[in-house]
């Protein structure tokens, strides 16, 4: 009798539930941003709606910045978990620190909305410190996963470059945080560059990987 070999069934990733939980936390963080915006923007003294919103543009700007921050963090979180294939008992705790920083984001966003025109330097610094902590948390997640061999062997070299990008981001966000106390326009430019780079984490890590493996031209 001929035995027909069945194709191997690919089961769900070990990290599937952890990723689903994380996505829910990201969604809640964005919802908190909207609720904060609603709580702030209430016309008073029968002021016309258009005039009120025209003169209170700061919460809208802060909401946009907060939304983009969480969106970029979600893009990077998703990118990292493309490579993480295994689970350990401590991975949910390491990932939880990342989520803690994400759920904290609406608080500095609210401060930025309230004080961007009054105490801009201090408000931006609080928001910038949140960026620094997100960078630390993201690097820790990558470093832990790399050290514990939660990455497939064929992806380890590329993932090392992913980890390296978050290592660079720690120093970058620390510098940007300190710049907040010196020059607000310069700090804003630094954060815009940060947004641009980490909006495309895969491309940035791949470019770093290719640069490392670029053949040395002989003279």
C-alpha atoms as a PDB file:
ATOM      1  CA  UNK A   1       0.000   0.000   0.000  1.00  0.00           C
ATOM      2  CA  UNK A   2       1.280   3.397  -0.946  1.00  0.00           C
ATOM      3  CA  UNK A   3       1.348   5.918   1.856  1.00  0.00           C
ATOM      4  CA  UNK A   4       0.627   9.445   0.749  1.00  0.00           C
ATOM      5  CA  UNK A   5       2.608  11.944   2.766  1.00  0.00           C
ATOM      6  CA  UNK A   6       0.465  14.789   4.015  1.00  0.00           C
ATOM      7  CA  UNK A   7       1.841  18.302   3.722  1.00  0.00           C
ATOM      8  CA  UNK A   8       3.090  19.743   6.946  1.00  0.00           C
ATOM      9  CA  UNK A   9       0.461  21.912   8.592  1.00  0.00           C
ATOM     10  CA  UNK A  10       1.674  25.276   9.649  1.00  0.00           C
ATOM     11  CA  UNK A  11       0.268  26.036  13.079  1.00  0.00           C
ATOM     12  CA  UNK A  12      -0.246  29.456  14.585  1.00  0.00           C
ATOM     13  CA  UNK A  13       2.763  31.429  15.743  1.00  0.00           C
ATOM     14  CA  UNK A  14       3.683  31.036  19.401  1.00  0.00           C
ATOM     15  CA  UNK A  15       3.428  34.798  19.736  1.00  0.00           C
ATOM     16  CA  UNK A  16      -0.011  35.094  18.061  1.00  0.00           C
ATOM     17  CA  UNK A  17      -1.953  35.825  21.266  1.00  0.00           C
ATOM     18  CA  UNK A  18       0.708  38.221  22.501  1.00  0.00           C
ATOM     19  CA  UNK A  19       0.545  40.146  19.209  1.00  0.00           C
ATOM     20  CA  UNK A  20      -3.279  40.238  19.314  1.00  0.00           C
ATOM     21  CA  UNK A  21      -3.199  41.569  22.876  1.00  0.00           C
ATOM     22  CA  UNK A  22      -0.635  44.194  21.868  1.00  0.00           C
ATOM     23  CA  UNK A  23      -2.783  45.348  18.943  1.00  0.00           C
ATOM     24  CA  UNK A  24      -5.680  45.827  21.361  1.00  0.00           C
ATOM     25  CA  UNK A  25      -3.537  47.977  23.653  1.00  0.00           C
ATOM     26  CA  UNK A  26      -2.444  50.137  20.719  1.00  0.00           C
ATOM     27  CA  UNK A  27      -6.105  50.607  19.746  1.00  0.00           C
ATOM     28  CA  UNK A  28      -7.028  51.629  23.307  1.00  0.00           C
ATOM     29  CA  UNK A  29      -4.153  54.145  23.411  1.00  0.00           C
ATOM     30  CA  UNK A  30      -5.455  55.831  20.245  1.00  0.00           C
ATOM     31  CA  UNK A  31      -8.982  55.848  21.713  1.00  0.00           C
ATOM     32  CA  UNK A  32      -7.671  57.620  24.809  1.00  0.00           C
ATOM     33  CA  UNK A  33      -6.211  60.305  22.542  1.00  0.00           C
ATOM     34  CA  UNK A  34      -9.631  60.930  21.008  1.00  0.00           C
ATOM     35  CA  UNK A  35     -11.330  61.027  24.421  1.00  0.00           C
ATOM     36  CA  UNK A  36      -8.768  63.562  25.633  1.00  0.00           C
ATOM     37  CA  UNK A  37      -9.439  65.712  22.565  1.00  0.00           C
ATOM     38  CA  UNK A  38     -13.194  65.582  23.202  1.00  0.00           C
ATOM     39  CA  UNK A  39     -12.774  66.523  26.878  1.00  0.00           C
ATOM     40  CA  UNK A  40     -10.693  69.599  26.017  1.00  0.00           C
ATOM     41  CA  UNK A  41     -12.634  71.100  23.129  1.00  0.00           C
ATOM     42  CA  UNK A  42     -15.902  72.428  24.544  1.00  0.00           C
ATOM     43  CA  UNK A  43     -17.005  75.912  23.404  1.00  0.00           C
ATOM     44  CA  UNK A  44     -17.741  78.250  26.288  1.00  0.00           C
ATOM     45  CA  UNK A  45     -19.836  81.403  26.644  1.00  0.00           C
ATOM     46  CA  UNK A  46     -21.875  80.581  23.513  1.00  0.00           C
ATOM     47  CA  UNK A  47     -18.817  81.163  21.325  1.00  0.00           C
ATOM     48  CA  UNK A  48     -19.314  80.210  17.697  1.00  0.00           C
ATOM     49  CA  UNK A  49     -18.019  76.726  16.976  1.00  0.00           C
ATOM     50  CA  UNK A  50     -15.781  77.691  14.050  1.00  0.00           C
ATOM     51  CA  UNK A  51     -14.180  80.604  15.919  1.00  0.00           C
ATOM     52  CA  UNK A  52     -13.610  78.475  18.997  1.00  0.00           C
ATOM     53  CA  UNK A  53     -11.796  75.744  17.080  1.00  0.00           C
ATOM     54  CA  UNK A  54      -9.878  78.311  15.054  1.00  0.00           C
ATOM     55  CA  UNK A  55      -8.455  79.835  18.225  1.00  0.00           C
ATOM     56  CA  UNK A  56      -7.856  76.484  19.927  1.00  0.00           C
ATOM     57  CA  UNK A  57      -5.823  74.634  17.306  1.00  0.00           C
ATOM     58  CA  UNK A  58      -3.233  73.313  19.751  1.00  0.00           C
ATOM     59  CA  UNK A  59      -5.215  70.209  20.877  1.00  0.00           C
ATOM     60  CA  UNK A  60      -5.720  69.203  17.236  1.00  0.00           C
ATOM     61  CA  UNK A  61      -1.989  69.469  16.574  1.00  0.00           C
ATOM     62  CA  UNK A  62      -1.168  67.522  19.733  1.00  0.00           C
ATOM     63  CA  UNK A  63      -3.698  64.826  18.779  1.00  0.00           C
ATOM     64  CA  UNK A  64      -2.130  64.502  15.321  1.00  0.00           C
ATOM     65  CA  UNK A  65       1.363  64.186  16.808  1.00  0.00           C
ATOM     66  CA  UNK A  66       0.142  61.660  19.388  1.00  0.00           C
ATOM     67  CA  UNK A  67      -1.681  59.631  16.752  1.00  0.00           C
ATOM     68  CA  UNK A  68       1.371  59.539  14.482  1.00  0.00           C
ATOM     69  CA  UNK A  69       3.539  58.530  17.439  1.00  0.00           C
ATOM     70  CA  UNK A  70       1.343  55.556  18.299  1.00  0.00           C
ATOM     71  CA  UNK A  71       0.948  54.627  14.626  1.00  0.00           C
ATOM     72  CA  UNK A  72       4.708  54.619  14.043  1.00  0.00           C
ATOM     73  CA  UNK A  73       5.208  52.594  17.227  1.00  0.00           C
ATOM     74  CA  UNK A  74       2.625  50.056  16.025  1.00  0.00           C
ATOM     75  CA  UNK A  75       4.394  49.797  12.644  1.00  0.00           C
ATOM     76  CA  UNK A  76       7.694  49.123  14.406  1.00  0.00           C
ATOM     77  CA  UNK A  77       6.145  46.698  16.892  1.00  0.00           C
ATOM     78  CA  UNK A  78       4.603  44.742  14.007  1.00  0.00           C
ATOM     79  CA  UNK A  79       7.922  44.784  12.160  1.00  0.00           C
ATOM     80  CA  UNK A  80       9.799  43.378  15.159  1.00  0.00           C
ATOM     81  CA  UNK A  81       7.291  40.559  15.681  1.00  0.00           C
ATOM     82  CA  UNK A  82       7.670  39.461  12.077  1.00  0.00           C
ATOM     83  CA  UNK A  83      11.040  38.047  13.211  1.00  0.00           C
ATOM     84  CA  UNK A  84      10.117  36.877  16.732  1.00  0.00           C
ATOM     85  CA  UNK A  85       8.881  33.311  16.325  1.00  0.00           C
ATOM     86  CA  UNK A  86       9.223  31.800  19.813  1.00  0.00           C
ATOM     87  CA  UNK A  87       7.934  32.556  23.300  1.00  0.00           C
ATOM     88  CA  UNK A  88       9.504  32.566  26.731  1.00  0.00           C
ATOM     89  CA  UNK A  89       7.879  33.208  30.093  1.00  0.00           C
ATOM     90  CA  UNK A  90       9.534  36.637  30.292  1.00  0.00           C
ATOM     91  CA  UNK A  91       8.708  37.879  26.781  1.00  0.00           C
ATOM     92  CA  UNK A  92       5.195  39.106  27.762  1.00  0.00           C
ATOM     93  CA  UNK A  93       6.780  41.175  30.542  1.00  0.00           C
ATOM     94  CA  UNK A  94       9.376  42.707  28.225  1.00  0.00           C
ATOM     95  CA  UNK A  95       6.665  43.400  25.659  1.00  0.00           C
ATOM     96  CA  UNK A  96       4.509  44.769  28.473  1.00  0.00           C
ATOM     97  CA  UNK A  97       7.084  47.486  29.133  1.00  0.00           C
ATOM     98  CA  UNK A  98       6.730  48.594  25.506  1.00  0.00           C
ATOM     99  CA  UNK A  99       2.944  48.676  25.897  1.00  0.00           C
ATOM    100  CA  UNK A 100       3.279  50.620  29.149  1.00  0.00           C
ATOM    101  CA  UNK A 101       5.119  53.372  27.318  1.00  0.00           C
ATOM    102  CA  UNK A 102       2.492  53.338  24.553  1.00  0.00           C
ATOM    103  CA  UNK A 103      -0.429  53.680  26.963  1.00  0.00           C
ATOM    104  CA  UNK A 104       1.452  56.500  28.700  1.00  0.00           C
ATOM    105  CA  UNK A 105       1.602  58.490  25.429  1.00  0.00           C
ATOM    106  CA  UNK A 106      -1.857  60.163  25.811  1.00  0.00           C
ATOM    107  CA  UNK A 107      -0.648  61.837  29.038  1.00  0.00           C
ATOM    108  CA  UNK A 108       2.278  63.839  27.541  1.00  0.00           C
ATOM    109  CA  UNK A 109       0.056  64.448  24.517  1.00  0.00           C
ATOM    110  CA  UNK A 110      -2.536  66.083  26.794  1.00  0.00           C
ATOM    111  CA  UNK A 111       0.193  68.200  28.398  1.00  0.00           C
ATOM    112  CA  UNK A 112       1.426  69.228  24.950  1.00  0.00           C
ATOM    113  CA  UNK A 113      -2.122  70.210  23.946  1.00  0.00           C
ATOM    114  CA  UNK A 114      -2.661  72.247  27.098  1.00  0.00           C
ATOM    115  CA  UNK A 115       0.704  73.991  27.414  1.00  0.00           C
ATOM    116  CA  UNK A 116       2.155  74.169  23.894  1.00  0.00           C
ATOM    117  CA  UNK A 117       1.443  77.900  23.795  1.00  0.00           C
ATOM    118  CA  UNK A 118       2.273  78.606  27.465  1.00  0.00           C
ATOM    119  CA  UNK A 119       5.219  76.465  28.506  1.00  0.00           C
ATOM    120  CA  UNK A 120       6.248  75.044  25.131  1.00  0.00           C
ATOM    121  CA  UNK A 121       9.750  74.061  26.171  1.00  0.00           C
ATOM    122  CA  UNK A 122       8.707  72.033  29.198  1.00  0.00           C
ATOM    123  CA  UNK A 123       5.658  70.510  27.463  1.00  0.00           C
ATOM    124  CA  UNK A 124       7.734  69.371  24.483  1.00  0.00           C
ATOM    125  CA  UNK A 125      10.413  68.007  26.823  1.00  0.00           C
ATOM    126  CA  UNK A 126       7.853  65.798  28.620  1.00  0.00           C
ATOM    127  CA  UNK A 127       6.637  64.526  25.269  1.00  0.00           C
ATOM    128  CA  UNK A 128      10.229  63.994  24.131  1.00  0.00           C
ATOM    129  CA  UNK A 129      11.077  62.028  27.269  1.00  0.00           C
ATOM    130  CA  UNK A 130       8.254  59.660  26.357  1.00  0.00           C
ATOM    131  CA  UNK A 131       9.990  59.119  22.985  1.00  0.00           C
ATOM    132  CA  UNK A 132      13.206  58.302  24.827  1.00  0.00           C
ATOM    133  CA  UNK A 133      11.477  55.711  27.002  1.00  0.00           C
ATOM    134  CA  UNK A 134       9.758  54.146  23.980  1.00  0.00           C
ATOM    135  CA  UNK A 135      13.187  53.798  22.343  1.00  0.00           C
ATOM    136  CA  UNK A 136      14.593  52.126  25.459  1.00  0.00           C
ATOM    137  CA  UNK A 137      11.634  49.727  25.615  1.00  0.00           C
ATOM    138  CA  UNK A 138      11.867  48.869  21.904  1.00  0.00           C
ATOM    139  CA  UNK A 139      15.587  48.181  22.144  1.00  0.00           C
ATOM    140  CA  UNK A 140      15.080  45.993  25.208  1.00  0.00           C
ATOM    141  CA  UNK A 141      12.449  43.942  23.349  1.00  0.00           C
ATOM    142  CA  UNK A 142      14.821  43.407  20.422  1.00  0.00           C
ATOM    143  CA  UNK A 143      17.880  42.749  22.584  1.00  0.00           C
ATOM    144  CA  UNK A 144      16.008  40.236  24.737  1.00  0.00           C
ATOM    145  CA  UNK A 145      14.597  38.397  21.699  1.00  0.00           C
ATOM    146  CA  UNK A 146      18.008  38.297  20.047  1.00  0.00           C
ATOM    147  CA  UNK A 147      19.814  37.079  23.163  1.00  0.00           C
ATOM    148  CA  UNK A 148      17.223  34.379  23.906  1.00  0.00           C
ATOM    149  CA  UNK A 149      17.318  33.109  20.300  1.00  0.00           C
ATOM    150  CA  UNK A 150      13.628  33.788  19.675  1.00  0.00           C
ATOM    151  CA  UNK A 151      14.582  34.584  16.073  1.00  0.00           C
ATOM    152  CA  UNK A 152      15.073  31.966  13.370  1.00  0.00           C
ATOM    153  CA  UNK A 153      18.739  31.334  12.608  1.00  0.00           C
ATOM    154  CA  UNK A 154      18.494  32.619   9.028  1.00  0.00           C
ATOM    155  CA  UNK A 155      17.040  35.941  10.240  1.00  0.00           C
ATOM    156  CA  UNK A 156      19.422  36.652  13.106  1.00  0.00           C
ATOM    157  CA  UNK A 157      21.895  38.709  11.102  1.00  0.00           C
ATOM    158  CA  UNK A 158      19.201  40.978   9.679  1.00  0.00           C
ATOM    159  CA  UNK A 159      17.454  41.218  13.051  1.00  0.00           C
ATOM    160  CA  UNK A 160      20.739  42.333  14.565  1.00  0.00           C
ATOM    161  CA  UNK A 161      20.498  45.373  12.286  1.00  0.00           C
ATOM    162  CA  UNK A 162      16.908  45.924  13.437  1.00  0.00           C
ATOM    163  CA  UNK A 163      18.114  45.843  17.029  1.00  0.00           C
ATOM    164  CA  UNK A 164      20.909  48.235  16.151  1.00  0.00           C
ATOM    165  CA  UNK A 165      18.489  50.835  14.766  1.00  0.00           C
ATOM    166  CA  UNK A 166      16.704  50.990  18.123  1.00  0.00           C
ATOM    167  CA  UNK A 167      20.044  51.270  19.860  1.00  0.00           C
ATOM    168  CA  UNK A 168      20.771  54.334  17.752  1.00  0.00           C
ATOM    169  CA  UNK A 169      17.311  55.712  18.542  1.00  0.00           C
ATOM    170  CA  UNK A 170      18.071  55.747  22.287  1.00  0.00           C
ATOM    171  CA  UNK A 171      20.986  58.136  21.798  1.00  0.00           C
ATOM    172  CA  UNK A 172      19.055  60.152  19.192  1.00  0.00           C
ATOM    173  CA  UNK A 173      15.952  60.654  21.364  1.00  0.00           C
ATOM    174  CA  UNK A 174      18.113  61.555  24.375  1.00  0.00           C
ATOM    175  CA  UNK A 175      19.833  64.281  22.330  1.00  0.00           C
ATOM    176  CA  UNK A 176      16.464  65.517  21.005  1.00  0.00           C
ATOM    177  CA  UNK A 177      15.115  65.611  24.569  1.00  0.00           C
ATOM    178  CA  UNK A 178      18.014  67.793  25.726  1.00  0.00           C
ATOM    179  CA  UNK A 179      17.641  70.040  22.665  1.00  0.00           C
ATOM    180  CA  UNK A 180      14.048  70.777  23.794  1.00  0.00           C
ATOM    181  CA  UNK A 181      15.484  72.993  26.542  1.00  0.00           C
ATOM    182  CA  UNK A 182      17.698  74.877  24.080  1.00  0.00           C
ATOM    183  CA  UNK A 183      15.776  75.274  20.826  1.00  0.00           C
ATOM    184  CA  UNK A 184      12.168  74.247  20.209  1.00  0.00           C
ATOM    185  CA  UNK A 185      12.352  74.550  16.375  1.00  0.00           C
ATOM    186  CA  UNK A 186      15.486  72.370  16.255  1.00  0.00           C
ATOM    187  CA  UNK A 187      13.885  69.781  18.538  1.00  0.00           C
ATOM    188  CA  UNK A 188      10.800  69.666  16.304  1.00  0.00           C
ATOM    189  CA  UNK A 189      13.024  69.104  13.248  1.00  0.00           C
ATOM    190  CA  UNK A 190      14.813  66.242  15.035  1.00  0.00           C
ATOM    191  CA  UNK A 191      11.509  64.600  15.922  1.00  0.00           C
ATOM    192  CA  UNK A 192      10.260  64.973  12.354  1.00  0.00           C
ATOM    193  CA  UNK A 193      13.387  63.170  11.120  1.00  0.00           C
ATOM    194  CA  UNK A 194      12.772  60.472  13.716  1.00  0.00           C
ATOM    195  CA  UNK A 195       9.221  60.040  12.400  1.00  0.00           C
ATOM    196  CA  UNK A 196      10.486  59.739   8.847  1.00  0.00           C
ATOM    197  CA  UNK A 197      13.097  57.078   9.614  1.00  0.00           C
ATOM    198  CA  UNK A 198      10.946  54.901  11.847  1.00  0.00           C
ATOM    199  CA  UNK A 199       7.882  55.152   9.634  1.00  0.00           C
ATOM    200  CA  UNK A 200       9.804  52.724   7.389  1.00  0.00           C
ATOM    201  CA  UNK A 201      11.745  50.469   9.806  1.00  0.00           C
ATOM    202  CA  UNK A 202      12.171  47.595   7.360  1.00  0.00           C
ATOM    203  CA  UNK A 203      13.793  49.777   4.702  1.00  0.00           C
ATOM    204  CA  UNK A 204      16.103  51.424   7.224  1.00  0.00           C
ATOM    205  CA  UNK A 205      17.253  48.085   8.723  1.00  0.00           C
ATOM    206  CA  UNK A 206      17.718  46.574   5.253  1.00  0.00           C
ATOM    207  CA  UNK A 207      19.831  49.521   4.181  1.00  0.00           C
ATOM    208  CA  UNK A 208      21.984  49.113   7.277  1.00  0.00           C
ATOM    209  CA  UNK A 209      22.316  45.386   6.562  1.00  0.00           C
ATOM    210  CA  UNK A 210      23.392  45.998   2.959  1.00  0.00           C
ATOM    211  CA  UNK A 211      25.916  48.609   4.050  1.00  0.00           C
ATOM    212  CA  UNK A 212      27.503  46.101   6.426  1.00  0.00           C
ATOM    213  CA  UNK A 213      27.787  43.523   3.658  1.00  0.00           C
ATOM    214  CA  UNK A 214      28.931  45.873   0.939  1.00  0.00           C
ATOM    215  CA  UNK A 215      32.004  44.399  -0.777  1.00  0.00           C
ATOM    216  CA  UNK A 216      35.224  46.297  -0.172  1.00  0.00           C
ATOM    217  CA  UNK A 217      36.619  47.647  -3.412  1.00  0.00           C
ATOM    218  CA  UNK A 218      40.244  46.816  -3.977  1.00  0.00           C
ATOM    219  CA  UNK A 219      42.495  49.635  -5.065  1.00  0.00           C
END
